[in-house]
């Protein structure tokens, strides 16, 4: 965080405080709502979901430096909370009203995960 001193960054971010960045192997769980199609047994076509995820998230973000390569992080820290919010913004427009994006769960490590419901506070607190 450029607004903080080196010492404050070390205290706040610990091992994640690295001016050259650091990597994670994230897992993203997507929840979509809607009615089950009696013909297919699906709420949403999994092939289409895979295509959307690759186009909107995997291809642009895989093996990239979030802080340097994406305008979404120009003014915010690339924390798990902010990552999952940006992923929501990139994914939500791809889902029709009949099968909306309901929630995202971003797993960063065995101990850290972040849920986001697009501002719906009925299931958890939104990232602001």
N, C-alpha and C. Protein backbone atom coordinates (compact mmCIF):
# COMPACT_ATOMS: atom_id res chain seq x y z
N UNK A 1 0.86 -1.17 0.00
CA UNK A 1 0.00 0.00 0.00
C UNK A 1 0.90 1.23 0.00
N UNK A 2 0.87 1.98 -1.07
CA UNK A 2 1.77 3.13 -1.20
C UNK A 2 1.46 4.25 -0.21
N UNK A 3 0.28 4.22 0.42
CA UNK A 3 -0.07 5.24 1.41
C UNK A 3 0.55 4.94 2.78
N UNK A 4 1.15 3.75 2.92
CA UNK A 4 1.73 3.35 4.20
C UNK A 4 3.26 3.30 4.10
N UNK A 5 3.91 3.38 5.25
CA UNK A 5 5.36 3.24 5.30
C UNK A 5 5.75 1.78 5.08
N UNK A 6 7.02 1.53 4.82
CA UNK A 6 7.50 0.16 4.66
C UNK A 6 7.20 -0.66 5.91
N UNK A 7 7.44 -0.07 7.08
CA UNK A 7 7.19 -0.77 8.34
C UNK A 7 5.70 -1.08 8.52
N UNK A 8 4.83 -0.11 8.22
CA UNK A 8 3.39 -0.34 8.33
C UNK A 8 2.95 -1.45 7.38
N UNK A 9 3.48 -1.46 6.16
CA UNK A 9 3.14 -2.51 5.21
C UNK A 9 3.59 -3.87 5.73
N UNK A 10 4.79 -3.94 6.31
CA UNK A 10 5.29 -5.22 6.86
C UNK A 10 4.39 -5.70 7.98
N UNK A 11 3.98 -4.79 8.86
CA UNK A 11 3.12 -5.18 9.99
C UNK A 11 1.73 -5.60 9.51
N UNK A 12 1.18 -4.89 8.56
CA UNK A 12 -0.18 -5.16 8.10
C UNK A 12 -0.28 -6.40 7.20
N UNK A 13 0.65 -6.52 6.25
CA UNK A 13 0.54 -7.56 5.23
C UNK A 13 1.44 -8.76 5.45
N UNK A 14 2.37 -8.68 6.38
CA UNK A 14 3.22 -9.82 6.70
C UNK A 14 3.94 -10.38 5.48
N UNK A 15 3.87 -11.70 5.29
CA UNK A 15 4.56 -12.36 4.17
C UNK A 15 4.06 -11.88 2.81
N UNK A 16 2.86 -11.35 2.77
CA UNK A 16 2.32 -10.87 1.48
C UNK A 16 2.88 -9.51 1.09
N UNK A 17 3.63 -8.88 1.97
CA UNK A 17 4.25 -7.60 1.68
C UNK A 17 5.53 -7.83 0.88
N UNK A 18 5.42 -7.73 -0.43
CA UNK A 18 6.57 -7.92 -1.31
C UNK A 18 6.43 -6.95 -2.47
N UNK A 19 7.33 -5.99 -2.60
CA UNK A 19 7.20 -5.00 -3.68
C UNK A 19 7.25 -5.62 -5.08
N UNK A 20 7.78 -6.82 -5.20
CA UNK A 20 7.82 -7.50 -6.50
C UNK A 20 6.63 -8.42 -6.69
N UNK A 21 5.70 -8.44 -5.75
CA UNK A 21 4.52 -9.29 -5.84
C UNK A 21 4.79 -10.68 -5.31
N UNK A 22 3.75 -11.47 -5.27
CA UNK A 22 3.84 -12.86 -4.86
C UNK A 22 2.65 -13.59 -5.47
N UNK A 23 2.71 -14.88 -5.54
CA UNK A 23 1.67 -15.62 -6.23
C UNK A 23 0.83 -16.49 -5.32
N UNK A 24 -0.33 -16.84 -5.83
CA UNK A 24 -1.24 -17.78 -5.17
C UNK A 24 -1.83 -18.68 -6.24
N UNK A 25 -2.29 -19.81 -5.82
CA UNK A 25 -3.04 -20.71 -6.69
C UNK A 25 -4.47 -20.66 -6.19
N UNK A 26 -5.26 -19.81 -6.81
CA UNK A 26 -6.64 -19.59 -6.38
C UNK A 26 -7.57 -20.66 -6.94
N UNK A 27 -8.66 -20.89 -6.19
CA UNK A 27 -9.77 -21.70 -6.66
C UNK A 27 -11.01 -20.81 -6.58
N UNK A 28 -11.79 -20.80 -7.65
CA UNK A 28 -13.00 -19.98 -7.69
C UNK A 28 -14.21 -20.89 -7.82
N UNK A 29 -15.12 -20.78 -6.86
CA UNK A 29 -16.37 -21.53 -6.89
C UNK A 29 -17.48 -20.57 -7.29
N UNK A 30 -18.26 -20.95 -8.29
CA UNK A 30 -19.32 -20.11 -8.83
C UNK A 30 -20.67 -20.73 -8.50
N UNK A 31 -21.58 -19.92 -7.98
CA UNK A 31 -22.95 -20.37 -7.72
C UNK A 31 -23.89 -19.58 -8.62
N UNK A 32 -24.71 -20.32 -9.37
CA UNK A 32 -25.68 -19.73 -10.29
C UNK A 32 -27.07 -20.16 -9.83
N UNK A 33 -28.03 -19.26 -9.92
CA UNK A 33 -29.40 -19.57 -9.52
C UNK A 33 -30.28 -19.87 -10.72
N UNK A 34 -31.47 -20.35 -10.44
CA UNK A 34 -32.43 -20.59 -11.50
C UNK A 34 -33.12 -21.93 -11.35
N UNK A 35 -33.98 -22.21 -12.29
CA UNK A 35 -34.73 -23.45 -12.30
C UNK A 35 -33.95 -24.53 -13.04
N UNK A 36 -34.09 -25.76 -12.58
CA UNK A 36 -33.46 -26.89 -13.26
C UNK A 36 -34.24 -27.20 -14.53
N UNK A 37 -33.54 -27.25 -15.66
CA UNK A 37 -34.16 -27.60 -16.94
C UNK A 37 -34.47 -29.10 -16.90
N UNK A 38 -35.73 -29.48 -17.04
CA UNK A 38 -36.09 -30.90 -16.95
C UNK A 38 -35.46 -31.75 -18.06
N UNK A 39 -35.16 -31.14 -19.19
CA UNK A 39 -34.57 -31.88 -20.30
C UNK A 39 -33.09 -32.16 -20.08
N UNK A 40 -32.34 -31.17 -19.56
CA UNK A 40 -30.90 -31.34 -19.39
C UNK A 40 -30.49 -31.71 -17.97
N UNK A 41 -31.34 -31.34 -17.00
CA UNK A 41 -30.99 -31.53 -15.60
C UNK A 41 -30.07 -30.43 -15.07
N UNK A 42 -29.81 -29.42 -15.89
CA UNK A 42 -28.92 -28.32 -15.51
C UNK A 42 -29.71 -27.05 -15.17
N UNK A 43 -29.11 -26.23 -14.32
CA UNK A 43 -29.57 -24.86 -14.13
C UNK A 43 -28.90 -23.99 -15.18
N UNK A 44 -27.64 -24.32 -15.49
CA UNK A 44 -26.85 -23.55 -16.46
C UNK A 44 -25.94 -24.53 -17.19
N UNK A 45 -25.80 -24.37 -18.47
CA UNK A 45 -24.96 -25.25 -19.29
C UNK A 45 -23.50 -25.15 -18.82
N UNK A 46 -22.94 -26.28 -18.37
CA UNK A 46 -21.59 -26.28 -17.81
C UNK A 46 -20.52 -25.96 -18.85
N UNK A 47 -20.75 -26.32 -20.10
CA UNK A 47 -19.80 -25.97 -21.16
C UNK A 47 -19.77 -24.46 -21.35
N UNK A 48 -20.93 -23.84 -21.31
CA UNK A 48 -21.00 -22.38 -21.43
C UNK A 48 -20.37 -21.72 -20.21
N UNK A 49 -20.60 -22.27 -19.01
CA UNK A 49 -20.00 -21.72 -17.80
C UNK A 49 -18.48 -21.78 -17.89
N UNK A 50 -17.95 -22.91 -18.36
CA UNK A 50 -16.51 -23.06 -18.51
C UNK A 50 -15.96 -22.03 -19.51
N UNK A 51 -16.66 -21.80 -20.58
CA UNK A 51 -16.23 -20.83 -21.59
C UNK A 51 -16.22 -19.41 -21.00
N UNK A 52 -17.26 -19.07 -20.24
CA UNK A 52 -17.34 -17.76 -19.60
C UNK A 52 -16.18 -17.57 -18.62
N UNK A 53 -15.91 -18.58 -17.79
CA UNK A 53 -14.83 -18.48 -16.81
C UNK A 53 -13.47 -18.32 -17.48
N UNK A 54 -13.26 -19.07 -18.55
CA UNK A 54 -11.98 -18.93 -19.26
C UNK A 54 -11.83 -17.55 -19.88
N UNK A 55 -12.89 -17.06 -20.51
CA UNK A 55 -12.83 -15.77 -21.19
C UNK A 55 -12.71 -14.61 -20.19
N UNK A 56 -13.50 -14.61 -19.13
CA UNK A 56 -13.57 -13.46 -18.23
C UNK A 56 -12.55 -13.47 -17.10
N UNK A 57 -12.09 -14.67 -16.69
CA UNK A 57 -11.22 -14.75 -15.52
C UNK A 57 -9.89 -15.44 -15.82
N UNK A 58 -9.92 -16.68 -16.28
CA UNK A 58 -8.69 -17.46 -16.39
C UNK A 58 -7.72 -16.88 -17.41
N UNK A 59 -8.19 -16.64 -18.63
CA UNK A 59 -7.27 -16.12 -19.66
C UNK A 59 -6.67 -14.77 -19.29
N UNK A 60 -7.47 -13.81 -18.83
CA UNK A 60 -6.85 -12.52 -18.51
C UNK A 60 -6.00 -12.52 -17.24
N UNK A 61 -6.34 -13.34 -16.23
CA UNK A 61 -5.68 -13.24 -14.93
C UNK A 61 -4.59 -14.27 -14.67
N UNK A 62 -4.60 -15.40 -15.35
CA UNK A 62 -3.66 -16.48 -15.05
C UNK A 62 -2.21 -16.03 -15.28
N UNK A 63 -1.38 -16.23 -14.27
CA UNK A 63 0.04 -15.89 -14.32
C UNK A 63 0.29 -14.41 -14.61
N UNK A 64 -0.52 -13.56 -14.02
CA UNK A 64 -0.36 -12.12 -14.21
C UNK A 64 -0.16 -11.45 -12.86
N UNK A 65 0.39 -10.25 -12.88
CA UNK A 65 0.57 -9.44 -11.68
C UNK A 65 -0.64 -8.51 -11.60
N UNK A 66 -1.53 -8.78 -10.67
CA UNK A 66 -2.77 -8.02 -10.57
C UNK A 66 -2.51 -6.53 -10.38
N UNK A 67 -1.54 -6.19 -9.53
CA UNK A 67 -1.28 -4.79 -9.23
C UNK A 67 -0.74 -4.01 -10.42
N UNK A 68 0.01 -4.66 -11.27
CA UNK A 68 0.63 -3.96 -12.39
C UNK A 68 -0.13 -4.09 -13.71
N UNK A 69 -0.88 -5.17 -13.86
CA UNK A 69 -1.47 -5.48 -15.17
C UNK A 69 -2.94 -5.14 -15.33
N UNK A 70 -3.63 -4.69 -14.26
CA UNK A 70 -5.07 -4.48 -14.36
C UNK A 70 -5.47 -3.14 -13.78
N UNK A 71 -6.25 -2.40 -14.55
CA UNK A 71 -6.69 -1.08 -14.11
C UNK A 71 -7.58 -1.16 -12.88
N UNK A 72 -8.27 -2.29 -12.68
CA UNK A 72 -9.15 -2.44 -11.51
C UNK A 72 -8.37 -2.29 -10.20
N UNK A 73 -7.06 -2.56 -10.23
CA UNK A 73 -6.26 -2.50 -9.01
C UNK A 73 -5.36 -1.28 -8.95
N UNK A 74 -5.59 -0.31 -9.81
CA UNK A 74 -4.78 0.90 -9.81
C UNK A 74 -4.93 1.66 -8.49
N UNK A 75 -6.15 1.66 -7.93
CA UNK A 75 -6.42 2.43 -6.72
C UNK A 75 -6.85 1.58 -5.53
N UNK A 76 -6.82 0.24 -5.68
CA UNK A 76 -7.19 -0.64 -4.56
C UNK A 76 -6.13 -1.73 -4.41
N UNK A 77 -6.03 -2.26 -3.21
CA UNK A 77 -5.11 -3.34 -2.91
C UNK A 77 -5.69 -4.63 -3.50
N UNK A 78 -4.84 -5.47 -4.07
CA UNK A 78 -5.33 -6.72 -4.67
C UNK A 78 -5.49 -7.80 -3.61
N UNK A 79 -6.28 -7.49 -2.59
CA UNK A 79 -6.61 -8.45 -1.53
C UNK A 79 -7.63 -9.45 -2.07
N UNK A 80 -7.79 -10.55 -1.36
CA UNK A 80 -8.81 -11.53 -1.76
C UNK A 80 -10.19 -10.91 -1.82
N UNK A 81 -10.49 -10.01 -0.89
CA UNK A 81 -11.78 -9.33 -0.88
C UNK A 81 -12.00 -8.52 -2.15
N UNK A 82 -10.96 -7.82 -2.59
CA UNK A 82 -11.09 -7.02 -3.80
C UNK A 82 -11.02 -7.87 -5.06
N UNK A 83 -10.25 -8.95 -5.03
CA UNK A 83 -10.20 -9.85 -6.20
C UNK A 83 -11.57 -10.44 -6.48
N UNK A 84 -12.22 -10.97 -5.46
CA UNK A 84 -13.52 -11.61 -5.68
C UNK A 84 -14.57 -10.59 -6.16
N UNK A 85 -14.46 -9.36 -5.70
CA UNK A 85 -15.39 -8.32 -6.17
C UNK A 85 -15.17 -8.00 -7.65
N UNK A 86 -13.92 -7.90 -8.07
CA UNK A 86 -13.61 -7.66 -9.49
C UNK A 86 -14.04 -8.85 -10.33
N UNK A 87 -13.82 -10.06 -9.85
CA UNK A 87 -14.25 -11.24 -10.59
C UNK A 87 -15.77 -11.21 -10.77
N UNK A 88 -16.50 -10.81 -9.75
CA UNK A 88 -17.96 -10.69 -9.85
C UNK A 88 -18.33 -9.69 -10.95
N UNK A 89 -17.69 -8.54 -10.94
CA UNK A 89 -17.99 -7.50 -11.93
C UNK A 89 -17.74 -7.99 -13.35
N UNK A 90 -16.73 -8.84 -13.52
CA UNK A 90 -16.42 -9.37 -14.85
C UNK A 90 -17.33 -10.52 -15.25
N UNK A 91 -17.84 -11.27 -14.28
CA UNK A 91 -18.68 -12.44 -14.58
C UNK A 91 -20.17 -12.13 -14.68
N UNK A 92 -20.69 -11.33 -13.78
CA UNK A 92 -22.14 -11.11 -13.68
C UNK A 92 -22.82 -10.75 -14.99
N UNK A 93 -22.24 -9.91 -15.85
CA UNK A 93 -22.93 -9.56 -17.10
C UNK A 93 -23.15 -10.74 -18.06
N UNK A 94 -22.45 -11.84 -17.85
CA UNK A 94 -22.58 -13.00 -18.74
C UNK A 94 -23.76 -13.90 -18.41
N UNK A 95 -24.46 -13.61 -17.31
CA UNK A 95 -25.55 -14.48 -16.88
C UNK A 95 -26.89 -13.79 -17.09
N UNK A 96 -27.83 -14.47 -17.73
CA UNK A 96 -29.15 -13.88 -17.97
C UNK A 96 -29.98 -13.84 -16.69
N UNK A 97 -31.01 -12.99 -16.65
CA UNK A 97 -31.85 -12.88 -15.44
C UNK A 97 -32.44 -14.21 -14.96
N UNK A 98 -32.72 -15.12 -15.87
CA UNK A 98 -33.31 -16.41 -15.49
C UNK A 98 -32.32 -17.30 -14.75
N UNK A 99 -31.02 -17.08 -14.96
CA UNK A 99 -29.98 -17.87 -14.28
C UNK A 99 -28.88 -16.92 -13.81
N UNK A 100 -29.18 -16.10 -12.81
CA UNK A 100 -28.21 -15.08 -12.38
C UNK A 100 -27.04 -15.67 -11.60
N UNK A 101 -25.96 -14.93 -11.60
CA UNK A 101 -24.84 -15.23 -10.74
C UNK A 101 -25.30 -14.94 -9.31
N UNK A 102 -25.17 -15.91 -8.41
CA UNK A 102 -25.65 -15.78 -7.04
C UNK A 102 -24.52 -15.51 -6.07
N UNK A 103 -23.39 -16.19 -6.24
CA UNK A 103 -22.29 -16.02 -5.31
C UNK A 103 -20.98 -16.53 -5.87
N UNK A 104 -19.90 -15.99 -5.34
CA UNK A 104 -18.55 -16.45 -5.66
C UNK A 104 -17.82 -16.75 -4.35
N UNK A 105 -17.05 -17.82 -4.38
CA UNK A 105 -16.17 -18.16 -3.27
C UNK A 105 -14.78 -18.28 -3.84
N UNK A 106 -13.88 -17.40 -3.41
CA UNK A 106 -12.50 -17.41 -3.86
C UNK A 106 -11.64 -17.99 -2.75
N UNK A 107 -11.04 -19.15 -3.01
CA UNK A 107 -10.16 -19.81 -2.05
C UNK A 107 -8.73 -19.40 -2.37
N UNK A 108 -8.07 -18.74 -1.43
CA UNK A 108 -6.70 -18.28 -1.62
C UNK A 108 -5.70 -19.29 -1.06
N UNK A 109 -5.94 -19.74 0.16
CA UNK A 109 -5.10 -20.75 0.81
C UNK A 109 -6.03 -21.69 1.56
N UNK A 110 -5.47 -22.67 2.25
CA UNK A 110 -6.30 -23.57 3.06
C UNK A 110 -7.04 -22.81 4.15
N UNK A 111 -6.48 -21.68 4.58
CA UNK A 111 -7.06 -20.92 5.69
C UNK A 111 -7.80 -19.67 5.27
N UNK A 112 -7.64 -19.24 4.01
CA UNK A 112 -8.25 -17.98 3.56
C UNK A 112 -9.20 -18.21 2.40
N UNK A 113 -10.43 -17.75 2.57
CA UNK A 113 -11.37 -17.74 1.45
C UNK A 113 -12.25 -16.51 1.59
N UNK A 114 -12.82 -16.09 0.47
CA UNK A 114 -13.57 -14.85 0.41
C UNK A 114 -14.85 -15.09 -0.39
N UNK A 115 -16.00 -14.77 0.23
CA UNK A 115 -17.27 -14.92 -0.46
C UNK A 115 -17.80 -13.55 -0.84
N UNK A 116 -18.50 -13.53 -1.97
CA UNK A 116 -19.11 -12.28 -2.42
C UNK A 116 -20.44 -12.60 -3.09
N UNK A 117 -21.44 -11.80 -2.76
CA UNK A 117 -22.78 -12.01 -3.28
C UNK A 117 -23.30 -10.79 -4.05
N UNK A 118 -22.40 -10.01 -4.59
CA UNK A 118 -22.79 -8.88 -5.42
C UNK A 118 -23.50 -7.78 -4.67
N UNK A 119 -23.23 -7.63 -3.40
CA UNK A 119 -23.88 -6.58 -2.62
C UNK A 119 -25.08 -7.07 -1.84
N UNK A 120 -25.50 -8.34 -2.02
CA UNK A 120 -26.62 -8.91 -1.28
C UNK A 120 -26.16 -9.22 0.13
N UNK A 121 -26.67 -8.47 1.12
CA UNK A 121 -26.23 -8.66 2.50
C UNK A 121 -27.01 -9.74 3.23
N UNK A 122 -27.96 -10.39 2.57
CA UNK A 122 -28.75 -11.41 3.25
C UNK A 122 -27.94 -12.67 3.53
N UNK A 123 -26.82 -12.90 2.82
CA UNK A 123 -26.02 -14.11 3.02
C UNK A 123 -24.64 -13.80 3.56
N UNK A 124 -24.30 -12.56 3.73
CA UNK A 124 -22.98 -12.19 4.22
C UNK A 124 -22.74 -10.72 3.97
N UNK A 125 -21.67 -10.23 4.46
CA UNK A 125 -21.36 -8.83 4.29
C UNK A 125 -20.67 -8.59 2.95
N UNK A 126 -21.17 -7.66 2.16
CA UNK A 126 -20.51 -7.36 0.88
C UNK A 126 -19.20 -6.64 1.09
N UNK A 127 -18.31 -6.79 0.17
CA UNK A 127 -17.06 -6.04 0.20
C UNK A 127 -17.36 -4.63 -0.27
N UNK A 128 -16.95 -3.63 0.48
CA UNK A 128 -17.24 -2.26 0.07
C UNK A 128 -15.98 -1.51 -0.26
